[in-house]
Amino acid sequence: MVIERFSQNLMNSGLFKTYIATGFFATLLFFLFNSELFTPIEMLVGIIFITLLLKGLSNIMISLIISLFSLENKRKEFDLKYNEDKINAMLNELVVKDIIDSNSKDSKQQ
């Protein structure tokens, strides 16, 4: 759940789409400025190949970020929250028991 939300936020941020678009336009400009050295077919193939390469690299980066994402801190936070809720529930039960005991002692004394 945590990893799914993290990876979804990472993909929705648009960081990798911007990376790919920047690489695409940089490649396009490279071929535009060096148009006398390349034929149109070489330019198209080069632009497509570089864009696919950048898409592959961005997918590798996403998978590395997700695989290196540490869940230990989240687990500790979850355990602390769970234990805190459990302790609060037990304290509430103890307070209620004390009130019931004090009420029963007061009723016995009267």
N, C-alpha and C. Protein backbone atom coordinates (compact mmCIF):
# COMPACT_ATOMS: atom_id res chain seq x y z
N MET A 1 0.83 -1.20 0.00
CA MET A 1 0.00 0.00 0.00
C MET A 1 0.86 1.25 0.00
N VAL A 2 1.87 1.26 0.87
CA VAL A 2 2.74 2.43 0.96
C VAL A 2 3.56 2.58 -0.31
N ILE A 3 4.10 1.44 -0.79
CA ILE A 3 4.93 1.49 -2.00
C ILE A 3 4.08 1.86 -3.21
N GLU A 4 2.86 1.35 -3.27
CA GLU A 4 1.98 1.69 -4.39
C GLU A 4 1.67 3.17 -4.41
N ARG A 5 1.39 3.73 -3.23
CA ARG A 5 1.08 5.16 -3.15
C ARG A 5 2.32 5.99 -3.50
N PHE A 6 3.47 5.55 -2.98
CA PHE A 6 4.72 6.26 -3.27
C PHE A 6 5.04 6.24 -4.76
N SER A 7 4.94 5.06 -5.38
CA SER A 7 5.26 4.96 -6.80
C SER A 7 4.25 5.72 -7.65
N GLN A 8 2.98 5.72 -7.23
CA GLN A 8 1.95 6.46 -7.97
C GLN A 8 2.22 7.96 -7.89
N ASN A 9 2.59 8.44 -6.71
CA ASN A 9 2.93 9.86 -6.56
C ASN A 9 4.16 10.22 -7.37
N LEU A 10 5.12 9.31 -7.42
CA LEU A 10 6.35 9.54 -8.18
C LEU A 10 6.05 9.65 -9.67
N MET A 11 5.21 8.77 -10.17
CA MET A 11 4.87 8.80 -11.59
C MET A 11 3.98 9.99 -11.94
N ASN A 12 3.07 10.33 -11.03
CA ASN A 12 2.17 11.45 -11.28
C ASN A 12 2.84 12.80 -11.15
N SER A 13 4.03 12.84 -10.59
CA SER A 13 4.72 14.12 -10.41
C SER A 13 5.14 14.72 -11.74
N GLY A 14 5.32 13.90 -12.75
CA GLY A 14 5.69 14.40 -14.07
C GLY A 14 7.18 14.62 -14.24
N LEU A 15 7.96 14.25 -13.23
CA LEU A 15 9.41 14.45 -13.28
C LEU A 15 10.03 13.64 -14.42
N PHE A 16 9.62 12.40 -14.56
CA PHE A 16 10.21 11.54 -15.59
C PHE A 16 9.69 11.89 -16.98
N LYS A 17 8.44 12.35 -17.06
CA LYS A 17 7.93 12.80 -18.35
C LYS A 17 8.68 14.04 -18.83
N THR A 18 9.00 14.93 -17.89
CA THR A 18 9.79 16.12 -18.22
C THR A 18 11.18 15.73 -18.67
N TYR A 19 11.77 14.73 -18.01
CA TYR A 19 13.09 14.22 -18.37
C TYR A 19 13.09 13.67 -19.80
N ILE A 20 12.07 12.90 -20.13
CA ILE A 20 11.98 12.32 -21.48
C ILE A 20 11.73 13.41 -22.51
N ALA A 21 10.84 14.36 -22.20
CA ALA A 21 10.55 15.44 -23.15
C ALA A 21 11.77 16.31 -23.39
N THR A 22 12.52 16.59 -22.33
CA THR A 22 13.75 17.39 -22.47
C THR A 22 14.75 16.67 -23.35
N GLY A 23 14.91 15.37 -23.13
CA GLY A 23 15.82 14.58 -23.97
C GLY A 23 15.37 14.53 -25.42
N PHE A 24 14.06 14.41 -25.62
CA PHE A 24 13.52 14.38 -26.98
C PHE A 24 13.82 15.69 -27.71
N PHE A 25 13.54 16.82 -27.06
CA PHE A 25 13.78 18.10 -27.71
C PHE A 25 15.27 18.41 -27.87
N ALA A 26 16.09 17.96 -26.94
CA ALA A 26 17.53 18.14 -27.09
C ALA A 26 18.04 17.34 -28.29
N THR A 27 17.55 16.12 -28.45
CA THR A 27 17.93 15.30 -29.60
C THR A 27 17.43 15.93 -30.89
N LEU A 28 16.23 16.44 -30.86
CA LEU A 28 15.66 17.10 -32.03
C LEU A 28 16.50 18.31 -32.43
N LEU A 29 16.90 19.10 -31.45
CA LEU A 29 17.76 20.26 -31.73
C LEU A 29 19.13 19.83 -32.24
N PHE A 30 19.67 18.76 -31.68
CA PHE A 30 20.97 18.26 -32.14
C PHE A 30 20.89 17.91 -33.63
N PHE A 31 19.86 17.16 -34.00
CA PHE A 31 19.74 16.78 -35.41
C PHE A 31 19.39 17.98 -36.29
N LEU A 32 18.68 18.95 -35.74
CA LEU A 32 18.34 20.14 -36.51
C LEU A 32 19.60 20.96 -36.82
N PHE A 33 20.45 21.13 -35.82
CA PHE A 33 21.68 21.91 -36.03
C PHE A 33 22.71 21.16 -36.87
N ASN A 34 22.63 19.84 -36.89
CA ASN A 34 23.57 19.04 -37.68
C ASN A 34 22.86 18.37 -38.86
N SER A 35 21.91 19.07 -39.43
CA SER A 35 21.10 18.47 -40.49
C SER A 35 21.89 18.18 -41.77
N GLU A 36 22.98 18.88 -41.97
CA GLU A 36 23.76 18.60 -43.18
C GLU A 36 24.57 17.31 -43.07
N LEU A 37 24.70 16.76 -41.85
CA LEU A 37 25.45 15.53 -41.66
C LEU A 37 24.58 14.27 -41.71
N PHE A 38 23.27 14.43 -41.50
CA PHE A 38 22.38 13.27 -41.41
C PHE A 38 21.26 13.37 -42.43
N THR A 39 20.83 12.19 -42.90
CA THR A 39 19.66 12.14 -43.78
C THR A 39 18.40 12.19 -42.92
N PRO A 40 17.25 12.50 -43.51
CA PRO A 40 16.02 12.54 -42.71
C PRO A 40 15.67 11.21 -42.02
N ILE A 41 15.96 10.10 -42.70
CA ILE A 41 15.68 8.79 -42.09
C ILE A 41 16.58 8.58 -40.88
N GLU A 42 17.85 8.94 -40.98
CA GLU A 42 18.77 8.82 -39.84
C GLU A 42 18.32 9.69 -38.68
N MET A 43 17.81 10.87 -39.01
CA MET A 43 17.32 11.76 -37.95
C MET A 43 16.13 11.14 -37.23
N LEU A 44 15.15 10.64 -38.00
CA LEU A 44 13.97 10.02 -37.39
C LEU A 44 14.34 8.81 -36.53
N VAL A 45 15.20 7.96 -37.08
CA VAL A 45 15.61 6.77 -36.33
C VAL A 45 16.37 7.19 -35.07
N GLY A 46 17.24 8.19 -35.19
CA GLY A 46 18.00 8.67 -34.04
C GLY A 46 17.10 9.25 -32.96
N ILE A 47 16.14 10.05 -33.37
CA ILE A 47 15.22 10.66 -32.41
C ILE A 47 14.38 9.59 -31.72
N ILE A 48 13.88 8.63 -32.49
CA ILE A 48 13.08 7.55 -31.90
C ILE A 48 13.93 6.69 -30.97
N PHE A 49 15.13 6.36 -31.40
CA PHE A 49 16.01 5.52 -30.58
C PHE A 49 16.39 6.22 -29.27
N ILE A 50 16.75 7.49 -29.34
CA ILE A 50 17.13 8.23 -28.13
C ILE A 50 15.93 8.37 -27.20
N THR A 51 14.75 8.63 -27.75
CA THR A 51 13.55 8.74 -26.91
C THR A 51 13.24 7.42 -26.21
N LEU A 52 13.33 6.31 -26.94
CA LEU A 52 13.11 5.00 -26.32
C LEU A 52 14.17 4.69 -25.27
N LEU A 53 15.41 5.07 -25.54
CA LEU A 53 16.48 4.88 -24.57
C LEU A 53 16.22 5.68 -23.29
N LEU A 54 15.79 6.92 -23.45
CA LEU A 54 15.50 7.75 -22.28
C LEU A 54 14.29 7.20 -21.51
N LYS A 55 13.29 6.68 -22.21
CA LYS A 55 12.14 6.08 -21.55
C LYS A 55 12.58 4.85 -20.75
N GLY A 56 13.45 4.04 -21.34
CA GLY A 56 13.97 2.87 -20.63
C GLY A 56 14.78 3.27 -19.40
N LEU A 57 15.61 4.29 -19.53
CA LEU A 57 16.39 4.77 -18.39
C LEU A 57 15.49 5.32 -17.29
N SER A 58 14.44 6.02 -17.67
CA SER A 58 13.53 6.54 -16.64
C SER A 58 12.80 5.41 -15.93
N ASN A 59 12.43 4.35 -16.66
CA ASN A 59 11.80 3.20 -16.01
C ASN A 59 12.77 2.50 -15.06
N ILE A 60 14.03 2.42 -15.46
CA ILE A 60 15.05 1.84 -14.57
C ILE A 60 15.22 2.70 -13.33
N MET A 61 15.24 4.01 -13.49
CA MET A 61 15.36 4.91 -12.34
C MET A 61 14.16 4.77 -11.41
N ILE A 62 12.96 4.68 -11.97
CA ILE A 62 11.76 4.50 -11.14
C ILE A 62 11.84 3.20 -10.36
N SER A 63 12.24 2.13 -11.04
CA SER A 63 12.30 0.84 -10.34
C SER A 63 13.38 0.83 -9.27
N LEU A 64 14.51 1.50 -9.51
CA LEU A 64 15.56 1.58 -8.49
C LEU A 64 15.10 2.42 -7.30
N ILE A 65 14.42 3.51 -7.56
CA ILE A 65 13.93 4.35 -6.47
C ILE A 65 12.93 3.58 -5.63
N ILE A 66 12.05 2.85 -6.28
CA ILE A 66 11.04 2.08 -5.55
C ILE A 66 11.69 0.93 -4.79
N SER A 67 12.64 0.24 -5.40
CA SER A 67 13.27 -0.89 -4.71
C SER A 67 14.17 -0.44 -3.56
N LEU A 68 14.75 0.75 -3.66
CA LEU A 68 15.61 1.25 -2.60
C LEU A 68 14.85 2.04 -1.54
N PHE A 69 13.55 2.21 -1.75
CA PHE A 69 12.71 2.92 -0.79
C PHE A 69 12.60 2.09 0.48
N SER A 70 12.96 2.67 1.60
CA SER A 70 12.99 1.95 2.87
C SER A 70 11.63 2.02 3.56
N LEU A 71 11.12 0.85 3.88
CA LEU A 71 9.85 0.78 4.60
C LEU A 71 10.06 0.68 6.10
N GLU A 72 11.32 0.62 6.54
CA GLU A 72 11.59 0.45 7.97
C GLU A 72 11.04 1.62 8.79
N ASN A 73 11.21 2.84 8.30
CA ASN A 73 10.69 4.00 9.03
C ASN A 73 9.17 3.97 9.09
N LYS A 74 8.55 3.59 7.98
CA LYS A 74 7.09 3.50 7.96
C LYS A 74 6.60 2.40 8.91
N ARG A 75 7.33 1.30 8.97
CA ARG A 75 6.95 0.21 9.86
C ARG A 75 7.05 0.66 11.32
N LYS A 76 8.14 1.35 11.66
CA LYS A 76 8.31 1.85 13.03
C LYS A 76 7.21 2.85 13.37
N GLU A 77 6.89 3.71 12.43
CA GLU A 77 5.82 4.69 12.66
C GLU A 77 4.47 4.00 12.86
N PHE A 78 4.21 2.98 12.05
CA PHE A 78 2.96 2.23 12.16
C PHE A 78 2.91 1.48 13.49
N ASP A 79 4.02 0.83 13.88
CA ASP A 79 4.06 0.11 15.15
C ASP A 79 3.86 1.06 16.32
N LEU A 80 4.50 2.22 16.27
CA LEU A 80 4.35 3.21 17.34
C LEU A 80 2.91 3.67 17.45
N LYS A 81 2.29 3.95 16.30
CA LYS A 81 0.89 4.39 16.30
C LYS A 81 -0.02 3.29 16.82
N TYR A 82 0.22 2.07 16.39
CA TYR A 82 -0.59 0.93 16.83
C TYR A 82 -0.45 0.73 18.34
N ASN A 83 0.79 0.75 18.83
CA ASN A 83 1.02 0.57 20.26
C ASN A 83 0.46 1.74 21.07
N GLU A 84 0.57 2.94 20.53
CA GLU A 84 0.02 4.11 21.21
C GLU A 84 -1.50 3.99 21.33
N ASP A 85 -2.16 3.56 20.27
CA ASP A 85 -3.61 3.37 20.32
C ASP A 85 -3.99 2.28 21.32
N LYS A 86 -3.21 1.22 21.32
CA LYS A 86 -3.48 0.12 22.25
C LYS A 86 -3.31 0.58 23.70
N ILE A 87 -2.25 1.32 23.99
CA ILE A 87 -1.99 1.83 25.34
C ILE A 87 -3.11 2.78 25.76
N ASN A 88 -3.52 3.66 24.86
CA ASN A 88 -4.61 4.59 25.18
C ASN A 88 -5.91 3.84 25.48
N ALA A 89 -6.20 2.80 24.71
CA ALA A 89 -7.41 2.01 24.96
C ALA A 89 -7.33 1.33 26.32
N MET A 90 -6.16 0.78 26.65
CA MET A 90 -6.00 0.12 27.96
C MET A 90 -6.11 1.13 29.10
N LEU A 91 -5.56 2.33 28.93
CA LEU A 91 -5.68 3.37 29.95
C LEU A 91 -7.13 3.80 30.13
N ASN A 92 -7.84 3.92 29.03
CA ASN A 92 -9.27 4.28 29.12
C ASN A 92 -10.05 3.21 29.86
N GLU A 93 -9.76 1.93 29.58
CA GLU A 93 -10.42 0.84 30.29
C GLU A 93 -10.09 0.90 31.78
N LEU A 94 -8.84 1.20 32.12
CA LEU A 94 -8.43 1.29 33.51
C LEU A 94 -9.14 2.44 34.22
N VAL A 95 -9.28 3.57 33.56
CA VAL A 95 -9.97 4.71 34.14
C VAL A 95 -11.44 4.37 34.38
N VAL A 96 -12.06 3.71 33.41
CA VAL A 96 -13.46 3.31 33.56
C VAL A 96 -13.60 2.33 34.71
N LYS A 97 -12.68 1.38 34.81
CA LYS A 97 -12.72 0.40 35.90
C LYS A 97 -12.55 1.09 37.25
N ASP A 98 -11.63 2.05 37.33
CA ASP A 98 -11.43 2.79 38.58
C ASP A 98 -12.69 3.56 38.96
N ILE A 99 -13.34 4.16 38.00
CA ILE A 99 -14.57 4.91 38.27
C ILE A 99 -15.66 3.97 38.75
N ILE A 100 -15.78 2.82 38.11
CA ILE A 100 -16.79 1.84 38.52
C ILE A 100 -16.49 1.33 39.93
N ASP A 101 -15.21 1.05 40.21
CA ASP A 101 -14.83 0.59 41.55
C ASP A 101 -15.11 1.65 42.61
N SER A 102 -14.78 2.90 42.30
CA SER A 102 -15.02 3.97 43.27
C SER A 102 -16.52 4.18 43.49
N ASN A 103 -17.31 4.05 42.44
CA ASN A 103 -18.77 4.17 42.57
C ASN A 103 -19.33 3.03 43.40
N SER A 104 -18.81 1.82 43.18
CA SER A 104 -19.30 0.68 43.96
C SER A 104 -18.90 0.79 45.43
N LYS A 105 -17.70 1.33 45.72
CA LYS A 105 -17.27 1.54 47.11
C LYS A 105 -18.14 2.60 47.77
N ASP A 106 -18.46 3.66 47.03
CA ASP A 106 -19.31 4.72 47.59
C ASP A 106 -20.71 4.19 47.88
N SER A 107 -21.23 3.34 47.02
CA SER A 107 -22.58 2.80 47.23
C SER A 107 -22.59 1.82 48.40
N LYS A 108 -21.50 1.09 48.63
CA LYS A 108 -21.41 0.16 49.75
C LYS A 108 -21.30 0.92 51.08
N GLN A 109 -20.62 2.05 51.08
CA GLN A 109 -20.44 2.84 52.29
C GLN A 109 -21.74 3.51 52.72
N GLN A 110 -22.60 3.76 51.83
CA GLN A 110 -23.88 4.43 52.16
C GLN A 110 -24.86 3.46 52.59
